[in-house]
Amino acid sequence: MSRFAHIVSKEFLQIRRDRMTVRLVIMAPLMQLLLIGYAANTDVRNVRVAVCDGDRSADSRLLMEEVDRSYTFNVVAAVDDPRELESLILAGKAQIGLHIPRDLHRRLMRGQEAQIGLLVDGSDSTTSGVATAYLSGIITNRALRFQLRAARAAGTLGASIPTLTAEPRVWYNVDLSSVNYMVPGVFGLVLMVLTVTLSALSIVRERENGTLEQLMVTPLRPRELLFGKVTPFAALILLDAVMVFLLARGWFHVPFRGSLFILLGTALLFLLSTLGLGVLISATSRTQQEAQLVAFLVLMPSVLLSGFAFPIANMPPAIQYVTYLIPLRYFLVIVRGLFLRGVGLEVLWPQVLAMAAFGVVIFALGLAVFRKHL
C-alpha cells in the first residue's frame, strides 16, 4: 500500500510540474462546455425569408406579418419579380423564398385551391427541413382562417363546427431547448476525452523520458504501477466533472432531477472504460505523437456514434449495431436521464450493467497489455 501511495504522490507531483497538463485539465472542460453550450445549438431561429407578394391584398399582408412575427423567421427582403428570389437565395442573403401569387385573394374567396411557392435553400438540410415545416404550418393555419371568413361571409357558417385539434404537452424539456440536451452530454464528453488523452500519454511519456526502466527495477508490481499512474488522472477528471456539473446548473440553468450519488457512481464505472482504453493506447504506442494520433482516431468515431450530437435512430442499421460497442453511448443515456427525466436505477440498470461490463473488460485488457509490454 505504501508503494502505491508513493507512486500516486509521484504522479501528482509530476502533473503539478507539467504546466501544459494543468492547463489542459482546467481549460479543456471550460472550453468544451462554453463552445458546445453556446455554439452547438440546434434550435432553428431567425431564418432569413425573402417575399415576393404578387397579390398585394390584405390577406397577403397578414400572412407576411405573421411570418415576420414568428421567432423562427425574419423577413429580410421584399421583391417584385419572383426571379429575384432565386438570386437572393443563391447569394446567401435569404434561406427561403416565399412567392405569393397574384390571384391568391380571388381564388380563396371563390373557394378554389391556391398555391404559395416556397423556394428553399437545401444546403443546410436540418435548418431548411425544420423551417419549411414551420412555415407550412403557418400557411395552413392562415388558410383555415381564410376559409372560416369566407364561410361567414357566405352565411354558411353553422352555429357550431366540430373541430379536431392537438394540444401538445412537452415533458422534461418544456422549452425544447437544445442547451438542456447538449450540455449534459458534455459531462460524458469531458470524462472520455480527458481521461483517454491523459492516460494515453502517461506511460509513453515515461518510456520516452527513460524513466519507465527506472520504475521497472523498483519493487513496484505492474498493477501497482498502473493503478498509481491512473489514480491521479481519475481524481482530477472527477473534479472536472463536478465543475462541469456546477456550471451546467449555475450558468446554463440546466435542470437536474436525478440522484447526484448515481451520477458520480456511474461516472466512476465509465472511468474504467476510458482509463483502460487510454492505458491500452499508451502501452502499444512508441511515441507521444503516435499515442495522440491513435487517441484521436478512437475518440472521433466514439463521439460521433455515441448519440452526443446525432440521434442513433437516424443512423443506418449496420452503424446502429456498431454503437453498442461504444461505452459513451450508455453513459450519455444515463446522464441525460438523470438531468432531464430524473429517472433512477430502476430504469437505467441496463445501461449501468453494460457500461460496467465494458469497463471491466477494457481495463483488464489494458492491464494485460501493459504487463506484457513491461
Protein backbone atom coordinates (compact mmCIF):
# COMPACT_ATOMS: atom_id res chain seq x y z
CA MET A 1 0.00 0.00 0.00
CA SER A 2 2.89 2.33 0.76
CA ARG A 3 4.37 1.66 -2.69
CA PHE A 4 1.03 2.57 -4.27
CA ALA A 5 0.84 5.78 -2.21
CA HIS A 6 4.36 6.75 -3.29
CA ILE A 7 3.63 6.27 -6.99
CA VAL A 8 0.40 8.29 -6.65
CA SER A 9 2.31 11.06 -4.87
CA LYS A 10 4.95 10.98 -7.58
CA GLU A 11 2.28 11.30 -10.32
CA PHE A 12 0.61 14.26 -8.61
CA LEU A 13 3.99 15.96 -8.29
CA GLN A 14 4.73 15.33 -11.96
CA ILE A 15 1.33 16.68 -13.00
CA ARG A 16 1.86 19.81 -10.89
CA ARG A 17 5.20 20.45 -12.58
CA ASP A 18 3.75 19.90 -16.06
CA ARG A 19 2.04 23.22 -16.76
CA MET A 20 0.61 22.02 -20.06
CA THR A 21 -1.24 19.17 -18.35
CA VAL A 22 -2.56 21.54 -15.68
CA ARG A 23 -3.86 23.92 -18.36
CA LEU A 24 -5.43 21.01 -20.22
CA VAL A 25 -7.23 19.72 -17.14
CA ILE A 26 -8.57 23.15 -16.21
CA MET A 27 -9.19 24.86 -19.55
CA ALA A 28 -10.36 21.98 -21.75
CA PRO A 29 -13.62 21.32 -19.84
CA LEU A 30 -14.41 25.03 -19.72
CA MET A 31 -13.80 25.47 -23.45
CA GLN A 32 -15.86 22.39 -24.34
CA LEU A 33 -18.75 23.43 -22.13
CA LEU A 34 -18.87 27.04 -23.32
CA LEU A 35 -18.40 26.26 -27.01
CA ILE A 36 -20.92 23.43 -27.09
CA GLY A 37 -23.36 25.21 -24.78
CA TYR A 38 -23.44 28.34 -26.93
CA ALA A 39 -22.38 27.26 -30.44
CA ALA A 40 -23.84 23.76 -30.77
CA ASN A 41 -27.40 25.00 -30.84
CA THR A 42 -29.85 23.02 -32.96
CA ASP A 43 -32.77 25.41 -32.36
CA VAL A 44 -33.99 26.98 -35.59
CA ARG A 45 -34.07 30.75 -35.17
CA ASN A 46 -34.10 33.83 -37.42
CA VAL A 47 -34.32 32.02 -40.74
CA ARG A 48 -33.97 34.66 -43.47
CA VAL A 49 -37.05 34.87 -45.71
CA ALA A 50 -37.46 36.85 -48.93
CA VAL A 51 -41.02 37.55 -50.08
CA CYS A 52 -42.48 38.26 -53.48
CA ASP A 53 -46.06 39.46 -52.88
CA GLY A 54 -47.82 39.37 -56.21
CA ASP A 55 -51.28 39.64 -54.67
CA ARG A 56 -50.75 42.77 -52.54
CA SER A 57 -54.03 42.22 -50.72
CA ALA A 58 -54.90 42.48 -47.06
CA ASP A 59 -54.72 38.68 -46.83
CA SER A 60 -51.20 38.51 -48.25
CA ARG A 61 -50.03 41.29 -45.95
CA LEU A 62 -51.46 39.46 -42.92
CA LEU A 63 -49.58 36.34 -43.98
CA MET A 64 -46.31 38.25 -44.34
CA GLU A 65 -46.79 39.89 -40.94
CA GLU A 66 -47.48 36.55 -39.28
CA VAL A 67 -44.33 35.06 -40.78
CA ASP A 68 -42.25 38.03 -39.69
CA ARG A 69 -43.65 37.95 -36.14
CA SER A 70 -42.59 34.35 -35.69
CA TYR A 71 -39.37 33.87 -33.74
CA THR A 72 -38.36 31.30 -36.35
CA PHE A 73 -38.35 33.66 -39.34
CA ASN A 74 -37.07 37.07 -40.26
CA VAL A 75 -38.32 38.72 -43.46
CA VAL A 76 -35.19 40.34 -44.89
CA ALA A 77 -36.35 41.38 -48.37
CA ALA A 78 -39.46 42.08 -50.42
CA VAL A 79 -39.13 41.88 -54.20
CA ASP A 80 -41.46 42.42 -57.15
CA ASP A 81 -40.11 39.77 -59.51
CA PRO A 82 -40.20 36.13 -58.37
CA ARG A 83 -36.96 35.52 -60.28
CA GLU A 84 -35.19 37.75 -57.76
CA LEU A 85 -35.95 35.21 -55.03
CA GLU A 86 -33.58 32.74 -56.65
CA SER A 87 -30.86 35.39 -56.85
CA LEU A 88 -31.20 36.21 -53.15
CA ILE A 89 -31.00 32.54 -52.18
CA LEU A 90 -28.02 31.99 -54.48
CA ALA A 91 -26.21 34.94 -52.91
CA GLY A 92 -26.88 33.60 -49.40
CA LYS A 93 -28.96 36.62 -48.43
CA ALA A 94 -32.09 34.51 -47.93
CA GLN A 95 -32.68 30.90 -46.97
CA ILE A 96 -36.32 30.67 -48.06
CA GLY A 97 -38.17 32.45 -50.84
CA LEU A 98 -41.94 32.96 -50.36
CA HIS A 99 -43.86 33.58 -53.60
CA ILE A 100 -47.46 34.73 -53.13
CA PRO A 101 -49.36 34.51 -56.45
CA ARG A 102 -51.35 37.40 -57.86
CA ASP A 103 -54.75 35.72 -57.61
CA LEU A 104 -54.43 34.43 -54.04
CA HIS A 105 -57.27 36.51 -52.57
CA ARG A 106 -59.59 35.96 -55.51
CA ARG A 107 -59.12 32.19 -55.53
CA LEU A 108 -59.60 31.92 -51.78
CA MET A 109 -62.83 33.93 -51.89
CA ARG A 110 -64.14 31.66 -54.64
CA GLY A 111 -63.28 28.58 -52.62
CA GLN A 112 -60.71 27.48 -55.17
CA GLU A 113 -57.34 25.94 -54.43
CA ALA A 114 -54.46 28.39 -54.19
CA GLN A 115 -50.78 27.56 -54.02
CA ILE A 116 -47.98 29.55 -52.44
CA GLY A 117 -44.50 28.87 -53.75
CA LEU A 118 -41.60 28.10 -51.41
CA LEU A 119 -38.01 28.19 -52.64
CA VAL A 120 -35.79 26.57 -50.03
CA ASP A 121 -32.00 26.53 -49.74
CA GLY A 122 -31.30 22.85 -49.08
CA SER A 123 -27.57 23.21 -48.46
CA ASP A 124 -28.34 23.16 -44.72
CA SER A 125 -30.74 20.25 -44.67
CA THR A 126 -31.55 20.41 -40.95
CA THR A 127 -32.44 24.10 -40.86
CA SER A 128 -34.27 24.05 -44.16
CA GLY A 129 -36.32 20.97 -43.23
CA VAL A 130 -37.46 22.32 -39.87
CA ALA A 131 -38.05 25.83 -41.19
CA THR A 132 -40.10 24.54 -44.14
CA ALA A 133 -42.32 22.55 -41.77
CA TYR A 134 -42.84 25.61 -39.55
CA LEU A 135 -43.62 27.85 -42.49
CA SER A 136 -46.03 25.31 -43.99
CA GLY A 137 -47.83 25.20 -40.65
CA ILE A 138 -48.22 28.99 -40.62
CA ILE A 139 -49.58 28.98 -44.17
CA THR A 140 -52.02 26.15 -43.36
CA ASN A 141 -53.25 27.96 -40.27
CA ARG A 142 -53.76 31.16 -42.25
CA ALA A 143 -55.64 29.23 -44.97
CA LEU A 144 -58.06 27.88 -42.36
CA ARG A 145 -58.76 31.42 -41.21
CA PHE A 146 -59.45 32.46 -44.80
CA GLN A 147 -61.94 29.62 -45.17
CA LEU A 148 -63.76 30.49 -41.95
CA ARG A 149 -64.05 34.13 -43.00
CA ALA A 150 -65.38 33.14 -46.41
CA ALA A 151 -67.91 30.82 -44.77
CA ARG A 152 -69.13 33.63 -42.52
CA ALA A 153 -69.40 35.99 -45.48
CA ALA A 154 -71.44 33.43 -47.43
CA GLY A 155 -73.69 32.69 -44.46
CA THR A 156 -72.77 29.01 -44.48
CA LEU A 157 -71.01 29.02 -41.12
CA GLY A 158 -73.08 26.98 -38.68
CA ALA A 159 -73.60 27.66 -35.02
CA SER A 160 -71.09 25.01 -34.11
CA ILE A 161 -68.43 23.37 -36.22
CA PRO A 162 -66.81 20.15 -34.98
CA THR A 163 -63.06 20.56 -34.89
CA LEU A 164 -60.13 18.32 -34.13
CA THR A 165 -57.15 19.98 -32.50
CA ALA A 166 -53.89 18.77 -30.98
CA GLU A 167 -52.78 20.03 -27.59
CA PRO A 168 -49.09 19.17 -27.21
CA ARG A 169 -47.62 18.77 -23.74
CA VAL A 170 -43.83 18.64 -23.66
CA TRP A 171 -42.30 16.83 -20.71
CA TYR A 172 -38.79 17.04 -19.26
CA ASN A 173 -37.63 19.85 -21.62
CA VAL A 174 -40.63 22.17 -21.81
CA ASP A 175 -38.94 24.83 -23.95
CA LEU A 176 -37.39 22.21 -26.26
CA SER A 177 -34.06 23.93 -25.62
CA SER A 178 -31.08 22.25 -27.28
CA VAL A 179 -28.85 23.52 -24.46
CA ASN A 180 -30.66 21.27 -21.99
CA TYR A 181 -29.88 18.36 -24.30
CA MET A 182 -26.31 19.18 -25.30
CA VAL A 183 -24.79 20.41 -22.04
CA PRO A 184 -25.40 17.17 -20.07
CA GLY A 185 -23.63 15.38 -22.89
CA VAL A 186 -20.55 17.49 -22.22
CA PHE A 187 -20.37 15.80 -18.82
CA GLY A 188 -19.65 12.46 -20.53
CA LEU A 189 -17.55 14.06 -23.25
CA VAL A 190 -15.17 15.64 -20.72
CA LEU A 191 -14.72 12.36 -18.88
CA MET A 192 -13.91 10.48 -22.05
CA VAL A 193 -11.71 12.94 -23.93
CA LEU A 194 -9.53 13.97 -20.99
CA THR A 195 -9.08 10.54 -19.42
CA VAL A 196 -8.24 8.83 -22.73
CA THR A 197 -5.87 11.61 -23.76
CA LEU A 198 -4.05 11.97 -20.43
CA SER A 199 -3.76 8.26 -19.68
CA ALA A 200 -2.68 7.54 -23.26
CA LEU A 201 0.26 9.92 -22.85
CA SER A 202 1.24 8.90 -19.31
CA ILE A 203 3.10 5.62 -19.92
CA VAL A 204 4.55 6.53 -23.31
CA ARG A 205 5.92 9.74 -21.78
CA GLU A 206 7.75 7.67 -19.16
CA ARG A 207 9.14 5.48 -21.94
CA GLU A 208 10.37 8.47 -23.98
CA ASN A 209 11.97 10.11 -20.94
CA GLY A 210 13.72 6.90 -19.95
CA THR A 211 12.11 6.79 -16.50
CA LEU A 212 9.98 3.71 -17.20
CA GLU A 213 13.05 1.48 -16.91
CA GLN A 214 13.83 3.05 -13.54
CA LEU A 215 10.33 2.25 -12.31
CA MET A 216 10.61 -1.31 -13.58
CA VAL A 217 13.65 -2.08 -11.37
CA THR A 218 11.79 -0.94 -8.24
CA PRO A 219 9.73 -3.38 -6.13
CA LEU A 220 6.58 -2.00 -7.75
CA ARG A 221 4.30 -4.60 -9.26
CA PRO A 222 2.78 -3.88 -12.70
CA ARG A 223 -0.73 -3.42 -11.33
CA GLU A 224 0.56 -1.09 -8.58
CA LEU A 225 2.40 0.98 -11.17
CA LEU A 226 -0.66 1.10 -13.43
CA PHE A 227 -3.16 1.98 -10.70
CA GLY A 228 -0.73 4.50 -9.24
CA LYS A 229 -0.42 6.28 -12.60
CA VAL A 230 -4.13 6.41 -13.46
CA THR A 231 -5.50 7.25 -9.99
CA PRO A 232 -4.39 10.93 -10.06
CA PHE A 233 -5.93 11.36 -13.51
CA ALA A 234 -9.20 9.82 -12.32
CA ALA A 235 -9.29 12.17 -9.32
CA LEU A 236 -8.60 15.25 -11.45
CA ILE A 237 -11.17 14.30 -14.08
CA LEU A 238 -13.82 13.75 -11.42
CA LEU A 239 -13.11 17.26 -10.16
CA ASP A 240 -13.56 18.48 -13.73
CA ALA A 241 -16.87 16.62 -13.88
CA VAL A 242 -18.03 18.34 -10.70
CA MET A 243 -17.02 21.70 -12.20
CA VAL A 244 -18.98 20.95 -15.38
CA PHE A 245 -21.99 19.93 -13.30
CA LEU A 246 -21.90 23.17 -11.29
CA LEU A 247 -21.54 25.29 -14.44
CA ALA A 248 -24.37 23.42 -16.15
CA ARG A 249 -26.65 24.13 -13.20
CA GLY A 250 -25.49 27.63 -12.30
CA TRP A 251 -24.56 29.15 -15.68
CA PHE A 252 -26.74 27.36 -18.24
CA HIS A 253 -29.56 26.60 -15.76
CA VAL A 254 -29.91 23.02 -16.97
CA PRO A 255 -32.34 21.16 -14.69
CA PHE A 256 -31.06 18.19 -12.67
CA ARG A 257 -33.82 15.93 -11.40
CA GLY A 258 -31.93 12.74 -10.59
CA SER A 259 -29.56 11.48 -7.91
CA LEU A 260 -26.11 13.03 -7.65
CA PHE A 261 -24.89 9.84 -5.98
CA ILE A 262 -25.93 7.77 -9.03
CA LEU A 263 -24.32 10.31 -11.35
CA LEU A 264 -20.93 10.14 -9.61
CA GLY A 265 -21.14 6.36 -9.15
CA THR A 266 -21.81 5.72 -12.83
CA ALA A 267 -19.07 8.23 -13.71
CA LEU A 268 -16.60 6.04 -11.80
CA LEU A 269 -17.79 3.00 -13.76
CA PHE A 270 -17.38 4.92 -17.00
CA LEU A 271 -13.82 5.86 -16.00
CA LEU A 272 -12.90 2.17 -16.01
CA SER A 273 -13.56 2.09 -19.76
CA THR A 274 -11.85 5.37 -20.61
CA LEU A 275 -8.79 4.80 -18.42
CA GLY A 276 -8.44 1.25 -19.69
CA LEU A 277 -8.66 2.48 -23.27
CA GLY A 278 -6.01 5.12 -22.58
CA VAL A 279 -3.69 2.58 -20.97
CA LEU A 280 -4.19 0.25 -23.92
CA ILE A 281 -3.23 3.02 -26.34
CA SER A 282 -0.26 4.11 -24.22
CA ALA A 283 1.13 0.60 -23.77
CA THR A 284 1.08 -0.11 -27.51
CA SER A 285 2.46 3.26 -28.68
CA ARG A 286 6.14 4.08 -29.02
CA THR A 287 5.94 7.89 -29.06
CA GLN A 288 3.61 10.56 -27.70
CA GLN A 289 2.74 11.64 -31.24
CA GLU A 290 1.67 8.10 -32.08
CA ALA A 291 -0.41 7.90 -28.89
CA GLN A 292 -2.11 11.23 -29.68
CA LEU A 293 -2.94 10.10 -33.22
CA VAL A 294 -4.39 6.77 -32.08
CA ALA A 295 -6.38 8.52 -29.33
CA PHE A 296 -7.84 10.92 -31.90
CA LEU A 297 -8.76 8.05 -34.22
CA VAL A 298 -10.55 6.32 -31.35
CA LEU A 299 -12.25 9.38 -29.84
CA MET A 300 -13.66 10.88 -33.02
CA PRO A 301 -15.88 7.94 -34.07
CA SER A 302 -16.80 7.32 -30.43
CA VAL A 303 -18.18 10.84 -30.09
CA LEU A 304 -19.93 10.81 -33.46
CA LEU A 305 -21.56 7.41 -32.94
CA SER A 306 -22.48 7.79 -29.27
CA GLY A 307 -25.60 9.89 -29.82
CA PHE A 308 -23.94 13.01 -28.43
CA ALA A 309 -24.89 15.19 -31.39
CA PHE A 310 -26.72 12.91 -33.85
CA PRO A 311 -29.63 10.60 -32.94
CA ILE A 312 -28.64 6.95 -33.16
CA ALA A 313 -32.09 6.09 -34.52
CA ASN A 314 -31.31 8.14 -37.66
CA MET A 315 -28.16 6.14 -38.44
CA PRO A 316 -28.10 3.18 -40.85
CA PRO A 317 -28.95 -0.15 -39.18
CA ALA A 318 -25.41 -1.50 -39.59
CA ILE A 319 -23.97 1.57 -37.84
CA GLN A 320 -26.54 1.30 -35.06
CA TYR A 321 -25.19 -2.14 -34.19
CA VAL A 322 -21.67 -0.69 -34.02
CA THR A 323 -22.79 1.90 -31.46
CA TYR A 324 -23.45 -0.87 -28.95
CA LEU A 325 -19.66 -1.27 -28.68
CA ILE A 326 -19.18 2.35 -27.53
CA PRO A 327 -19.38 2.85 -23.73
CA LEU A 328 -20.11 6.56 -24.16
CA ARG A 329 -23.46 5.62 -25.71
CA TYR A 330 -24.66 4.09 -22.44
CA PHE A 331 -23.24 6.85 -20.25
CA LEU A 332 -24.99 9.58 -22.25
CA VAL A 333 -28.33 7.80 -21.75
CA ILE A 334 -27.62 7.74 -18.01
CA VAL A 335 -26.54 11.39 -17.79
CA ARG A 336 -29.44 12.76 -19.81
CA GLY A 337 -31.88 10.55 -17.94
CA LEU A 338 -30.63 11.90 -14.60
CA PHE A 339 -30.52 15.53 -15.71
CA LEU A 340 -33.77 15.83 -17.63
CA ARG A 341 -36.07 12.97 -16.64
CA GLY A 342 -34.94 12.29 -13.08
CA VAL A 343 -35.02 8.52 -13.51
CA GLY A 344 -33.21 6.09 -11.22
CA LEU A 345 -31.56 2.69 -11.38
CA GLU A 346 -34.93 1.02 -11.89
CA VAL A 347 -34.85 2.49 -15.43
CA LEU A 348 -31.12 2.89 -16.06
CA TRP A 349 -29.91 -0.52 -14.87
CA PRO A 350 -29.42 -1.96 -18.42
CA GLN A 351 -27.08 0.90 -19.30
CA VAL A 352 -25.27 0.63 -15.96
CA LEU A 353 -24.69 -3.12 -16.39
CA ALA A 354 -23.49 -2.72 -19.98
CA MET A 355 -21.14 0.09 -19.02
CA ALA A 356 -19.77 -1.86 -16.04
CA ALA A 357 -19.14 -4.90 -18.26
CA PHE A 358 -17.31 -2.78 -20.83
CA GLY A 359 -15.30 -1.10 -18.08
CA VAL A 360 -14.11 -4.36 -16.53
CA VAL A 361 -13.23 -5.93 -19.89
CA ILE A 362 -11.43 -2.89 -21.31
CA PHE A 363 -9.49 -2.14 -18.12
CA ALA A 364 -8.50 -5.80 -17.72
CA LEU A 365 -7.33 -5.86 -21.34
CA GLY A 366 -5.34 -2.67 -20.79
CA LEU A 367 -3.72 -4.14 -17.68
CA ALA A 368 -2.84 -7.36 -19.53
CA VAL A 369 -1.26 -5.47 -22.45
CA PHE A 370 0.56 -3.15 -20.04
CA ARG A 371 2.08 -6.10 -18.13
CA LYS A 372 3.05 -7.80 -21.39
CA HIS A 373 4.86 -4.72 -22.71
CA LEU A 374 6.61 -4.21 -19.37
